[in-house]
Amino acid sequence: MSSEPGHASARRRWWRWWALGIALALLGVGLVRVVRHRFYLSEKLHAGVDVQNIESALEEFAQAHSGRYPPDLLSLVTPDEDGKCWLEGFNGRVPKDFWRSEYAYEPPTPVHPKPRVYSYGADGKPGGSGEDADIESDSLAAPR
């Protein structure tokens, strides 16, 4: 008779620990999702700021060159004959996005009269959603 109450008590303790372990595991999964989502928002914000900075440098370059945009982003980080860099702080290298891929750039065309600057997101491929979504200057432009 004395072994029975202790056995039931041990079983209850085991179930409590097991339930506590499951609860902590679920809490951990939820916490990882929240942190990952916030980290993604930070990556996207960082890339958006970079794209806007590159756009500003492109506009300054065009103003100084009779409305002509550079053929590539390397032209913005390479000093010109006067020693001016249009996009400072990259030591002659094309800026890279948060995922360590170079930002892409398309000069204006008759079909698309504004320059286009973009990042392909985490997967480095066009399109995608979530972390893989493209971040581009057209979608960052303020509505008019």
Protein backbone atom coordinates (compact mmCIF):
# COMPACT_ATOMS: atom_id res chain seq x y z
CA MET A 1 0.00 0.00 0.00
CA SER A 2 2.81 2.43 0.72
CA SER A 3 4.40 1.84 -2.69
CA GLU A 4 1.23 2.67 -4.56
CA PRO A 5 0.87 6.35 -3.50
CA GLY A 6 4.56 6.98 -4.24
CA HIS A 7 4.22 5.37 -7.65
CA ALA A 8 1.21 7.56 -8.53
CA SER A 9 3.08 10.60 -7.26
CA ALA A 10 6.11 9.77 -9.44
CA ARG A 11 3.85 9.30 -12.46
CA ARG A 12 2.21 12.70 -11.86
CA ARG A 13 5.64 14.33 -11.59
CA TRP A 14 6.72 12.68 -14.84
CA TRP A 15 3.59 13.98 -16.63
CA ARG A 16 4.15 17.46 -15.22
CA TRP A 17 7.73 17.51 -16.49
CA TRP A 18 6.62 16.13 -19.82
CA ALA A 19 3.88 18.80 -20.15
CA LEU A 20 6.33 21.50 -19.10
CA GLY A 21 8.81 20.28 -21.73
CA ILE A 22 6.14 20.37 -24.47
CA ALA A 23 5.03 23.85 -23.38
CA LEU A 24 8.62 25.13 -23.44
CA ALA A 25 9.20 23.56 -26.88
CA LEU A 26 6.10 25.27 -28.27
CA LEU A 27 7.12 28.55 -26.69
CA GLY A 28 10.58 28.18 -28.24
CA VAL A 29 9.13 27.56 -31.71
CA GLY A 30 6.93 30.65 -31.37
CA LEU A 31 9.83 32.74 -30.16
CA VAL A 32 12.00 31.63 -33.09
CA ARG A 33 9.25 32.63 -35.52
CA VAL A 34 8.86 36.07 -33.95
CA VAL A 35 12.62 36.72 -33.93
CA ARG A 36 13.00 35.47 -37.49
CA HIS A 37 10.16 37.73 -38.69
CA ARG A 38 11.66 40.78 -36.98
CA PHE A 39 15.09 39.93 -38.42
CA TYR A 40 13.54 39.70 -41.91
CA LEU A 41 11.87 43.10 -41.46
CA SER A 42 15.27 44.52 -40.49
CA GLU A 43 16.88 43.00 -43.62
CA LYS A 44 14.16 44.43 -45.83
CA LEU A 45 14.43 47.87 -44.23
CA HIS A 46 18.23 47.82 -44.66
CA ALA A 47 17.93 46.89 -48.35
CA GLY A 48 15.26 49.56 -48.89
CA VAL A 49 17.50 52.27 -47.43
CA ASP A 50 20.39 51.09 -49.63
CA VAL A 51 18.21 51.17 -52.75
CA GLN A 52 17.09 54.71 -51.94
CA ASN A 53 20.69 55.84 -51.34
CA ILE A 54 21.78 54.35 -54.66
CA GLU A 55 18.84 56.06 -56.38
CA SER A 56 19.89 59.41 -54.92
CA ALA A 57 23.45 58.91 -56.14
CA LEU A 58 22.12 58.03 -59.60
CA GLU A 59 20.07 61.24 -59.68
CA GLU A 60 23.06 63.35 -58.62
CA PHE A 61 25.21 61.66 -61.27
CA ALA A 62 22.58 62.37 -63.96
CA GLN A 63 22.27 66.02 -62.92
CA ALA A 64 26.03 66.45 -63.22
CA HIS A 65 26.15 64.68 -66.61
CA SER A 66 23.43 66.48 -68.58
CA GLY A 67 20.72 64.00 -67.64
CA ARG A 68 22.71 60.89 -68.60
CA TYR A 69 22.73 58.03 -66.13
CA PRO A 70 25.76 55.80 -65.65
CA PRO A 71 25.88 52.50 -67.55
CA ASP A 72 26.40 50.54 -64.32
CA LEU A 73 26.72 50.92 -60.55
CA LEU A 74 30.49 50.60 -60.72
CA SER A 75 30.53 54.10 -62.21
CA LEU A 76 29.06 55.45 -58.96
CA VAL A 77 31.78 53.99 -56.72
CA THR A 78 34.74 54.65 -59.01
CA PRO A 79 36.27 58.15 -58.63
CA ASP A 80 35.89 60.29 -61.76
CA GLU A 81 38.63 62.50 -63.25
CA ASP A 82 38.03 65.03 -60.45
CA GLY A 83 38.29 62.33 -57.78
CA LYS A 84 34.55 62.45 -57.00
CA CYS A 85 32.70 59.29 -56.04
CA TRP A 86 28.94 59.53 -56.38
CA LEU A 87 28.38 56.78 -53.85
CA GLU A 88 30.87 56.91 -50.98
CA GLY A 89 32.00 54.19 -48.61
CA PHE A 90 32.21 51.17 -50.92
CA ASN A 91 35.93 51.35 -51.81
CA GLY A 92 35.39 50.94 -55.53
CA ARG A 93 33.04 47.96 -55.13
CA VAL A 94 29.41 47.72 -56.18
CA PRO A 95 27.21 47.82 -53.07
CA LYS A 96 25.89 44.50 -51.84
CA ASP A 97 22.56 43.76 -50.24
CA PHE A 98 22.02 42.17 -46.86
CA TRP A 99 22.33 38.73 -48.45
CA ARG A 100 25.77 39.57 -49.94
CA SER A 101 24.63 39.88 -53.55
CA GLU A 102 25.40 42.98 -55.61
CA TYR A 103 22.48 45.33 -56.14
CA ALA A 104 21.21 45.20 -59.70
CA TYR A 105 20.67 48.30 -61.82
CA GLU A 106 18.97 49.05 -65.11
CA PRO A 107 19.49 52.49 -66.67
CA PRO A 108 16.39 54.32 -67.92
CA THR A 109 14.94 53.26 -71.27
CA PRO A 110 12.16 54.76 -73.40
CA VAL A 111 9.81 52.13 -71.97
CA HIS A 112 10.93 52.67 -68.37
CA PRO A 113 12.13 56.31 -68.07
CA LYS A 114 13.40 56.00 -64.47
CA PRO A 115 16.48 54.06 -63.39
CA ARG A 116 15.70 50.78 -61.64
CA VAL A 117 17.71 49.54 -58.62
CA TYR A 118 16.83 46.26 -56.98
CA SER A 119 17.84 43.33 -54.81
CA TYR A 120 16.58 39.82 -55.54
CA GLY A 121 16.15 39.06 -51.83
CA ALA A 122 17.48 36.08 -49.90
CA ASP A 123 17.32 33.57 -52.78
CA GLY A 124 19.12 35.83 -55.28
CA LYS A 125 16.51 35.04 -57.97
CA PRO A 126 13.83 37.24 -59.55
CA GLY A 127 10.40 37.07 -57.92
CA GLY A 128 9.63 35.23 -54.74
CA SER A 129 7.81 36.04 -51.55
CA GLY A 130 8.70 36.55 -47.91
CA GLU A 131 12.49 36.60 -47.49
CA ASP A 132 12.90 35.81 -51.20
CA ALA A 133 10.83 38.79 -52.39
CA ASP A 134 12.56 41.35 -54.59
CA ILE A 135 13.14 44.81 -53.18
CA GLU A 136 13.15 47.41 -55.92
CA SER A 137 13.15 51.14 -56.37
CA ASP A 138 9.81 51.17 -58.23
CA SER A 139 7.97 49.63 -55.28
CA LEU A 140 9.75 51.90 -52.77
CA ALA A 141 8.74 55.08 -54.59
CA ALA A 142 6.26 57.21 -52.71
CA PRO A 143 2.83 57.42 -54.37
CA ARG A 144 2.17 60.75 -56.03
